[in-house]
Every structure is written in C-alpha cells, then in structure tokens.
C-alpha cells in the first residue's frame, strides 16, 4: 500500500478554532455541537477522540470528513486547506484524502467479499485495470486474513470479519487519513479486545494516520499515540495515554478515564512551593499532592480543589500501627471483593470512602481497622 506524503507539513491533519452549532429540536434554541476545537495530528499517529455520548467527538470527525460543515474554523490535511469558514472553502468528501469506516461498517450485503473490497478501485478517485484490481484486492484480503473468504457473500462473515473487510476496503483507497467512528462498539467484549489489538497492528503495518472515535476508555488507552478527551463540545485535555491517566488536567478527565477517588479540599499553601507540592486540607486530614496542573490563576491558600488518587496508588495494611506520617490514615474496611490477583476494597475514613486495590492476601475483613497510605508522588491536586 502507498501512503501519500506531502513535504508541506509534518502533520496529516491540523484543526483550529472549529465550531459547529445545532438547533435544539425541542426548544428551537442553540444546541450543543463543538466549540473552539483545535489540534494537530502528526503523520502516522493513532489519534483518538474520547468522550461520553454527545461530547462532540463524532461531530468533529464528520467535519473532518466533510460530512458536516462547521460554522467557524479551519481544517488542513498535509498542509493543504480543505475547509475554511472565513475563506468559504469547503472541499467535498470525495476530494479529501481520507477513507472512513463507520460504526455500521457500511458492508454491502448484496456483494461478495471481493466485490466489497474492490469497490473503491473500480469507482474511486483512481481506477485500475481489472487484473491490477484483482491483484491489489487479493493482496489486501490476505493481509487482513480474509483471502479464503473472497468468494463468500459479505453477510456470511462474522462481526469481526466484517470489521476487517471494512478496514481492508478503506485501506485500498490509499488514504492519507483513516477515520474510524466507533468501529468496535457493535461487538462483544472478548472480540473487541482481540480486534483492537489487530486494528492497532494493521495501523502500524500500513503507517496510515488514523483518527479514531470512541467512548471506551480502555480502547483509547490501549491503542492510541495521542488522546483528545472531549466534554460538552470542548477539549478537556490532549496527551499521551499515560499523561491522560497519570496526570489528568481536570476532575472530569480523572473521573472519566479510569477509576479515581476525588476528595474535596482546600489548599493550605500557594501553588508552586519550593518542594513542588500542594498540601490540601481534606476530611481525611492533610494530604500531600506531588502532582498538579497549575491553572492560569494559581490559587492562594484556601482555594478549593479536589484531591485525586487512583485505587492502585493506595496501600492498605491490616491494623492501625502504621497510621502516622505523611498521607497515612486510620480507616475501616467497608467492603471487600476477592478477584484472585487482588482484593478490591472500599475503606471508610470518618465517613469518607475510598476505593483501593489491596493485596490479594490482605487478612483484614469488612469491619476491621486498617492503615491507608496514599502515595504522595501519585496523588494529584485538581482545580477544574
């Protein structure tokens, strides 16, 4: 497969100031779309738009594809403008260097597997002679593990095989950018896990820039080079999977991506102290947070915040003999679930509950007293 490159830009996609408004059907007033969306996608990256239903991720993807016309903003692909509201430029979908796999795959049931895959080579921007079309299609079907199904009707394929067929057809378009709109959402959990590994492998093999839309945080963390977390039409955070998970920029990101304990508190000192830590006064007591994102207006002492700590960054030990020192508190087990490799426990500290991943062999049971230790290096102060 050939992926077209342009020397004019190191990014396959650049978006700035993108805005799309809708009219709410019930009220007739403005509905939520997207507002001030902007990002750059490096060439060859697997780039994911992540967020809950209605957050604007699919609207953003459809604007990229040319299926929606934004009200404001600009979109460039490989340095070439394909949309500009100010310049009234809007390149139609078929003239954009993209291929798209929709949530439903778009497989034609009246065609066999070979005919489905061959469609873009017969009716796309570039057409090929019959022999060349056959060679290209069979080679692609071989690479996605469908060569032995070439003469079957598409409806005879399983859900996972249909997903591979849709991907093969999209890649045969030789796109600069591959757009994927929740392509695994119709599959069961076990097959989703298998196919997300295959999909990432195919993307790396072909080197095509991929923009992937999902509401599934596990998919985003497992597959992406970069994640954009969206909420209510706006971008909350852009970062690598580990940055998004380990250093969330807001309460929303912390709560949406993974499991997080969020404890309200106030800052006991100004942000940016000499030891690069924030001490928060909470219902647990004083909590030292060695991770934080400094907001535009750094709060002074007394400023409200949330302490964020992931369950795996909390250590639980039987008894309260160690319940002294930084980020160590006496608590009581409220509930416990044995999961083989660990226990998932809920601990109560004077009415405040925290979820924690405890050692599988922890001897404490519900009602027993324990010591809870929050790792300061993994405890985060959040202001938004």
Protein backbone atom coordinates (compact mmCIF):
# COMPACT_ATOMS: atom_id res chain seq x y z
CA UNK A 1 0.00 0.00 0.00
CA UNK A 2 1.17 3.53 -0.77
CA UNK A 3 0.50 6.31 1.70
CA UNK A 4 0.69 9.72 0.06
CA UNK A 5 3.01 12.20 1.72
CA UNK A 6 3.38 15.91 1.27
CA UNK A 7 6.55 17.83 2.14
CA UNK A 8 4.47 20.86 3.12
CA UNK A 9 3.58 19.60 6.59
CA UNK A 10 4.73 17.12 9.21
CA UNK A 11 1.10 16.83 10.30
CA UNK A 12 -1.56 14.90 8.45
CA UNK A 13 -4.35 16.96 10.00
CA UNK A 14 -4.45 20.42 11.56
CA UNK A 15 -7.63 21.91 13.01
CA UNK A 16 -8.02 25.36 14.54
CA UNK A 17 -10.99 27.18 16.08
CA UNK A 18 -13.54 24.66 14.83
CA UNK A 19 -17.11 25.42 15.85
CA UNK A 20 -20.40 23.77 14.94
CA UNK A 21 -23.79 24.75 16.34
CA UNK A 22 -27.11 22.94 16.09
CA UNK A 23 -30.69 23.97 16.70
CA UNK A 24 -32.31 22.04 19.53
CA UNK A 25 -35.48 20.37 18.25
CA UNK A 26 -37.44 20.72 21.48
CA UNK A 27 -36.65 24.33 22.32
CA UNK A 28 -35.66 25.79 18.96
CA UNK A 29 -32.67 27.37 20.67
CA UNK A 30 -28.97 26.65 20.11
CA UNK A 31 -27.94 23.05 20.75
CA UNK A 32 -24.54 21.76 21.76
CA UNK A 33 -22.10 20.98 18.98
CA UNK A 34 -18.40 21.75 19.22
CA UNK A 35 -16.65 24.94 20.28
CA UNK A 36 -13.08 26.12 19.73
CA UNK A 37 -11.78 22.64 18.88
CA UNK A 38 -8.19 22.59 17.71
CA UNK A 39 -5.39 20.01 17.46
CA UNK A 40 -2.67 18.70 15.15
CA UNK A 41 -2.23 15.05 14.21
CA UNK A 42 1.38 14.02 13.40
CA UNK A 43 1.83 11.87 10.34
CA UNK A 44 1.46 8.16 11.04
CA UNK A 45 -0.06 8.60 14.51
CA UNK A 46 -3.02 6.78 16.01
CA UNK A 47 -5.05 9.69 17.35
CA UNK A 48 -8.19 9.13 19.44
CA UNK A 49 -11.15 11.38 20.21
CA UNK A 50 -12.51 10.12 23.54
CA UNK A 51 -15.56 11.20 25.49
CA UNK A 52 -19.13 10.39 26.52
CA UNK A 53 -22.09 10.39 24.15
CA UNK A 54 -22.92 13.90 22.95
CA UNK A 55 -19.49 15.36 23.75
CA UNK A 56 -18.79 16.36 20.12
CA UNK A 57 -16.29 13.71 19.05
CA UNK A 58 -18.36 12.34 16.14
CA UNK A 59 -19.29 15.87 15.04
CA UNK A 60 -15.57 16.68 14.91
CA UNK A 61 -14.90 13.54 12.85
CA UNK A 62 -17.75 14.32 10.45
CA UNK A 63 -16.41 17.86 9.96
CA UNK A 64 -13.02 16.31 9.12
CA UNK A 65 -14.69 14.01 6.61
CA UNK A 66 -16.66 16.84 5.03
CA UNK A 67 -19.97 15.27 6.03
CA UNK A 68 -20.72 18.26 8.27
CA UNK A 69 -19.94 21.90 7.53
CA UNK A 70 -18.56 23.79 10.52
CA UNK A 71 -19.71 27.32 11.29
CA UNK A 72 -16.21 28.58 12.08
CA UNK A 73 -12.61 27.42 11.94
CA UNK A 74 -10.14 25.83 9.56
CA UNK A 75 -9.05 22.29 8.63
CA UNK A 76 -5.88 21.40 6.72
CA UNK A 77 -4.66 17.98 5.58
CA UNK A 78 -0.96 17.54 4.85
CA UNK A 79 -0.64 21.31 4.69
CA UNK A 80 -3.49 21.71 2.18
CA UNK A 81 -6.59 23.59 3.36
CA UNK A 82 -9.79 21.57 2.94
CA UNK A 83 -12.07 23.82 4.99
CA UNK A 84 -12.05 27.49 5.95
CA UNK A 85 -15.18 29.25 7.12
CA UNK A 86 -13.56 32.68 6.65
CA UNK A 87 -12.42 31.90 3.09
CA UNK A 88 -15.63 30.00 2.30
CA UNK A 89 -13.64 26.98 1.27
CA UNK A 90 -15.21 23.52 1.73
CA UNK A 91 -13.65 20.65 -0.21
CA UNK A 92 -16.25 17.87 -0.74
CA UNK A 93 -15.71 14.50 1.00
CA UNK A 94 -14.76 12.65 -2.17
CA UNK A 95 -11.96 15.14 -2.86
CA UNK A 96 -10.43 14.88 0.62
CA UNK A 97 -7.53 12.41 1.11
CA UNK A 98 -9.49 10.28 3.55
CA UNK A 99 -11.26 6.96 3.98
CA UNK A 100 -13.87 6.36 6.65
CA UNK A 101 -15.10 3.24 8.44
CA UNK A 102 -18.50 3.99 10.04
CA UNK A 103 -19.90 2.35 13.15
CA UNK A 104 -22.06 0.04 11.00
CA UNK A 105 -19.06 -0.84 8.72
CA UNK A 106 -21.08 0.02 5.57
CA UNK A 107 -20.72 -3.50 4.13
CA UNK A 108 -22.99 -4.12 1.13
CA UNK A 109 -24.92 -7.37 1.74
CA UNK A 110 -25.72 -7.94 -1.95
CA UNK A 111 -22.00 -8.12 -2.80
CA UNK A 112 -19.42 -10.79 -2.11
CA UNK A 113 -16.33 -10.06 -0.04
CA UNK A 114 -14.12 -9.46 -3.09
CA UNK A 115 -16.65 -7.05 -4.66
CA UNK A 116 -16.98 -5.08 -1.42
CA UNK A 117 -13.22 -4.67 -1.14
CA UNK A 118 -12.78 -3.85 -4.85
CA UNK A 119 -15.38 -1.07 -4.91
CA UNK A 120 -13.01 1.90 -4.31
CA UNK A 121 -10.62 0.63 -7.00
CA UNK A 122 -13.44 0.48 -9.53
CA UNK A 123 -15.36 3.60 -8.60
CA UNK A 124 -12.96 5.76 -6.55
CA UNK A 125 -10.69 8.69 -7.33
CA UNK A 126 -8.21 6.38 -9.08
CA UNK A 127 -9.40 3.34 -11.02
CA UNK A 128 -7.31 0.35 -12.11
CA UNK A 129 -7.45 -2.28 -14.85
CA UNK A 130 -9.23 -5.49 -13.96
CA UNK A 131 -6.08 -7.57 -13.44
CA UNK A 132 -4.43 -4.92 -11.26
CA UNK A 133 -7.62 -4.52 -9.22
CA UNK A 134 -7.73 -8.27 -8.60
CA UNK A 135 -4.07 -8.36 -7.56
CA UNK A 136 -4.46 -5.46 -5.12
CA UNK A 137 -7.69 -6.75 -3.58
CA UNK A 138 -6.41 -10.30 -3.07
CA UNK A 139 -3.17 -8.98 -1.55
CA UNK A 140 -5.12 -6.80 0.89
CA UNK A 141 -7.54 -9.59 1.83
CA UNK A 142 -4.52 -11.77 2.52
CA UNK A 143 -3.06 -9.16 4.87
CA UNK A 144 -6.28 -8.90 6.89
CA UNK A 145 -6.85 -12.66 6.97
CA UNK A 146 -9.83 -12.81 4.60
CA UNK A 147 -8.34 -14.28 1.41
CA UNK A 148 -10.16 -17.59 1.83
CA UNK A 149 -13.49 -15.73 2.12
CA UNK A 150 -13.15 -13.70 -1.09
CA UNK A 151 -15.99 -15.54 -2.86
CA UNK A 152 -18.38 -15.58 0.10
CA UNK A 153 -21.30 -13.21 0.49
CA UNK A 154 -20.44 -10.43 2.91
CA UNK A 155 -23.42 -11.27 5.15
CA UNK A 156 -21.86 -14.69 5.79
CA UNK A 157 -18.97 -13.08 7.67
CA UNK A 158 -18.89 -12.73 11.44
CA UNK A 159 -18.91 -9.30 13.04
CA UNK A 160 -15.15 -9.34 13.46
CA UNK A 161 -14.61 -10.41 9.85
CA UNK A 162 -16.92 -7.65 8.61
CA UNK A 163 -14.83 -5.17 10.58
CA UNK A 164 -11.69 -6.44 8.85
CA UNK A 165 -13.40 -6.21 5.46
CA UNK A 166 -14.42 -2.60 6.11
CA UNK A 167 -10.84 -1.81 7.11
CA UNK A 168 -9.44 -3.54 4.00
CA UNK A 169 -11.77 -1.57 1.74
CA UNK A 170 -10.78 1.69 3.43
CA UNK A 171 -7.05 0.95 3.12
CA UNK A 172 -7.45 0.11 -0.59
CA UNK A 173 -8.44 3.76 -1.07
CA UNK A 174 -4.81 4.57 -0.12
CA UNK A 175 -5.91 7.41 2.17
CA UNK A 176 -3.65 9.91 3.83
CA UNK A 177 -6.01 9.82 6.81
CA UNK A 178 -8.17 6.93 8.02
CA UNK A 179 -11.26 7.92 10.03
CA UNK A 180 -12.81 5.30 12.33
CA UNK A 181 -16.13 6.03 14.06
CA UNK A 182 -16.54 3.57 16.97
CA UNK A 183 -15.95 0.53 14.71
CA UNK A 184 -15.82 -1.95 17.62
CA UNK A 185 -18.91 -0.83 19.53
CA UNK A 186 -21.20 -3.48 18.00
CA UNK A 187 -19.01 -6.41 19.08
CA UNK A 188 -18.92 -8.38 22.31
CA UNK A 189 -16.26 -7.58 24.92
CA UNK A 190 -13.94 -10.50 24.12
CA UNK A 191 -13.96 -9.80 20.38
CA UNK A 192 -13.45 -6.06 20.96
CA UNK A 193 -10.31 -6.81 22.95
CA UNK A 194 -8.97 -9.07 20.19
CA UNK A 195 -9.81 -6.71 17.33
CA UNK A 196 -8.42 -3.58 18.96
CA UNK A 197 -5.04 -5.38 19.02
CA UNK A 198 -5.44 -6.33 15.35
CA UNK A 199 -6.55 -2.84 14.38
CA UNK A 200 -3.55 -1.21 16.03
CA UNK A 201 -1.28 -3.78 14.38
CA UNK A 202 -2.75 -3.04 10.94
CA UNK A 203 -2.37 0.71 11.50
CA UNK A 204 1.30 0.31 12.41
CA UNK A 205 1.92 -2.04 9.47
CA UNK A 206 0.46 0.36 6.91
CA UNK A 207 1.64 3.53 8.63
CA UNK A 208 -1.56 5.40 7.83
CA UNK A 209 -2.55 8.32 10.04
CA UNK A 210 -5.66 7.22 11.95
CA UNK A 211 -8.25 9.27 13.81
CA UNK A 212 -10.39 7.05 16.00
CA UNK A 213 -13.61 7.96 17.81
CA UNK A 214 -14.66 6.02 20.92
CA UNK A 215 -16.37 6.38 24.29
CA UNK A 216 -14.44 3.35 25.58
CA UNK A 217 -11.53 4.47 27.75
CA UNK A 218 -9.90 1.01 27.57
CA UNK A 219 -9.75 1.18 23.78
CA UNK A 220 -8.29 4.67 23.90
CA UNK A 221 -5.60 3.81 26.45
CA UNK A 222 -4.61 0.56 24.70
CA UNK A 223 -4.44 1.79 21.10
CA UNK A 224 -3.54 5.46 20.97
CA UNK A 225 -0.41 7.51 20.49
CA UNK A 226 -2.40 10.60 21.50
CA UNK A 227 -5.81 11.01 23.15
CA UNK A 228 -8.10 14.04 22.99
CA UNK A 229 -10.63 13.96 25.84
CA UNK A 230 -13.78 15.90 24.97
CA UNK A 231 -16.67 17.05 27.14
CA UNK A 232 -19.70 19.16 26.22
CA UNK A 233 -18.27 20.14 22.85
CA UNK A 234 -14.90 21.29 24.12
CA UNK A 235 -11.47 19.73 24.59
CA UNK A 236 -10.62 18.95 28.22
CA UNK A 237 -7.11 17.57 27.67
CA UNK A 238 -4.73 16.35 24.96
CA UNK A 239 -1.93 13.96 25.82
CA UNK A 240 -0.41 10.51 25.60
CA UNK A 241 -2.33 7.66 27.29
CA UNK A 242 -0.05 7.74 30.34
CA UNK A 243 -0.33 11.54 30.62
CA UNK A 244 -4.12 11.38 30.46
CA UNK A 245 -4.29 8.61 33.06
CA UNK A 246 -1.50 9.62 35.44
CA UNK A 247 -1.81 13.41 35.17
CA UNK A 248 -5.45 14.33 34.42
CA UNK A 249 -5.95 18.05 33.92
CA UNK A 250 -9.47 18.20 35.38
CA UNK A 251 -11.92 16.39 37.61
CA UNK A 252 -13.84 15.32 34.51
CA UNK A 253 -10.81 13.65 32.93
CA UNK A 254 -9.83 11.96 36.19
CA UNK A 255 -13.32 10.57 36.69
CA UNK A 256 -13.99 9.60 33.06
CA UNK A 257 -10.68 7.90 32.29
CA UNK A 258 -10.20 5.03 34.70
CA UNK A 259 -11.35 4.89 38.30
CA UNK A 260 -10.48 7.76 40.60
CA UNK A 261 -11.10 8.79 44.19
CA UNK A 262 -11.92 12.51 44.27
CA UNK A 263 -11.87 14.13 47.72
CA UNK A 264 -12.86 17.82 48.12
CA UNK A 265 -10.36 20.04 49.90
CA UNK A 266 -8.72 23.43 50.13
CA UNK A 267 -5.10 24.39 49.53
CA UNK A 268 -3.12 25.05 52.71
CA UNK A 269 -0.41 26.90 50.80
CA UNK A 270 0.11 28.64 47.45
CA UNK A 271 0.83 26.53 44.40
CA UNK A 272 4.44 26.34 43.30
CA UNK A 273 6.10 25.97 46.68
CA UNK A 274 9.80 25.21 46.83
CA UNK A 275 9.31 21.44 47.06
CA UNK A 276 6.80 21.41 44.16
CA UNK A 277 3.92 20.01 46.16
CA UNK A 278 0.45 21.08 47.25
CA UNK A 279 -0.81 20.30 50.73
CA UNK A 280 -4.60 20.04 50.83
CA UNK A 281 -6.83 20.18 53.89
CA UNK A 282 -9.50 17.47 53.48
CA UNK A 283 -11.92 15.40 55.54
CA UNK A 284 -9.14 12.80 55.69
CA UNK A 285 -6.68 15.28 57.14
CA UNK A 286 -3.73 17.00 55.46
CA UNK A 287 -2.90 15.34 52.12
CA UNK A 288 0.34 15.98 50.26
CA UNK A 289 -0.09 16.10 46.46
CA UNK A 290 3.09 16.00 44.41
CA UNK A 291 1.24 16.18 41.10
CA UNK A 292 -0.82 19.14 39.97
CA UNK A 293 -1.55 21.27 36.95
CA UNK A 294 -1.08 24.94 37.74
CA UNK A 295 -4.16 26.83 36.49
CA UNK A 296 -3.91 30.19 34.73
CA UNK A 297 -4.61 31.95 38.03
CA UNK A 298 -2.77 29.91 40.67
CA UNK A 299 -4.94 29.73 43.80
CA UNK A 300 -3.74 31.01 47.14
CA UNK A 301 -4.17 29.30 50.46
CA UNK A 302 -7.83 28.45 50.98
CA UNK A 303 -8.52 27.87 47.30
CA UNK A 304 -10.89 24.97 46.66
CA UNK A 305 -9.57 21.85 44.93
CA UNK A 306 -10.06 18.11 44.64
CA UNK A 307 -7.53 15.51 45.71
CA UNK A 308 -7.36 12.73 43.11
CA UNK A 309 -5.81 9.33 43.77
CA UNK A 310 -6.24 6.13 41.76
CA UNK A 311 -7.20 2.91 43.63
CA UNK A 312 -3.90 1.23 42.67
CA UNK A 313 -1.97 4.07 44.31
CA UNK A 314 -3.46 3.41 47.73
CA UNK A 315 -1.79 0.85 50.02
CA UNK A 316 -3.92 -0.91 52.62
CA UNK A 317 -2.38 -2.80 55.55
CA UNK A 318 -4.04 -4.54 58.48
CA UNK A 319 -4.15 -2.68 61.79
CA UNK A 320 -3.51 0.98 62.57
CA UNK A 321 0.02 0.78 63.96
CA UNK A 322 1.39 2.49 60.81
CA UNK A 323 -1.32 5.19 60.68
CA UNK A 324 1.05 8.10 61.23
CA UNK A 325 3.15 10.22 58.91
CA UNK A 326 2.55 11.83 55.52
CA UNK A 327 -0.63 10.66 53.76
CA UNK A 328 -1.23 7.82 56.26
CA UNK A 329 -4.64 7.46 57.87
CA UNK A 330 -6.55 5.04 60.09
CA UNK A 331 -9.62 3.59 58.39
CA UNK A 332 -12.04 0.69 58.47
CA UNK A 333 -12.88 -1.82 55.73
CA UNK A 334 -16.43 -1.16 54.48
CA UNK A 335 -16.50 -3.87 51.80
CA UNK A 336 -14.14 -6.25 50.04
CA UNK A 337 -14.15 -8.32 46.83
CA UNK A 338 -11.58 -11.05 46.19
CA UNK A 339 -10.56 -11.05 42.50
CA UNK A 340 -7.71 -13.56 42.56
CA UNK A 341 -4.79 -11.25 41.86
CA UNK A 342 -6.03 -8.58 44.30
CA UNK A 343 -8.81 -7.51 46.59
CA UNK A 344 -10.91 -4.52 45.66
CA UNK A 345 -11.81 -2.83 48.90
CA UNK A 346 -13.78 0.20 49.99
CA UNK A 347 -12.34 1.82 53.10
CA UNK A 348 -14.14 4.36 55.27
CA UNK A 349 -12.29 7.23 56.96
CA UNK A 350 -14.72 9.09 59.23
CA UNK A 351 -17.47 8.79 56.62
CA UNK A 352 -15.28 9.44 53.55
CA UNK A 353 -14.97 6.34 51.38
CA UNK A 354 -12.04 5.43 49.13
CA UNK A 355 -11.73 2.58 46.64
CA UNK A 356 -8.40 0.74 46.75
CA UNK A 357 -6.67 -2.27 45.20
CA UNK A 358 -5.33 -4.23 48.16
CA UNK A 359 -3.04 -7.25 48.27
CA UNK A 360 -4.85 -10.49 47.46
CA UNK A 361 -3.71 -11.91 50.81
CA UNK A 362 -4.80 -8.98 52.98
CA UNK A 363 -6.20 -10.56 56.15
CA UNK A 364 -8.50 -7.65 57.09
CA UNK A 365 -12.22 -8.16 56.50
CA UNK A 366 -15.20 -5.79 56.49
CA UNK A 367 -15.37 -4.01 59.84
CA UNK A 368 -11.65 -4.43 60.58
CA UNK A 369 -9.33 -1.47 61.17
CA UNK A 370 -6.60 -0.80 58.62
CA UNK A 371 -3.99 1.77 57.66
CA UNK A 372 -4.43 3.58 54.36
CA UNK A 373 -1.39 5.16 52.69
CA UNK A 374 -1.74 7.47 49.68
CA UNK A 375 1.40 7.63 47.54
CA UNK A 376 2.28 11.37 47.51
CA UNK A 377 4.06 11.04 44.15
CA UNK A 378 0.82 9.71 42.62
CA UNK A 379 -1.63 11.98 44.44
CA UNK A 380 -2.94 14.85 42.33
CA UNK A 381 -4.40 18.28 43.17
CA UNK A 382 -7.08 19.37 40.66
CA UNK A 383 -8.68 22.80 40.37
CA UNK A 384 -11.07 22.29 37.45
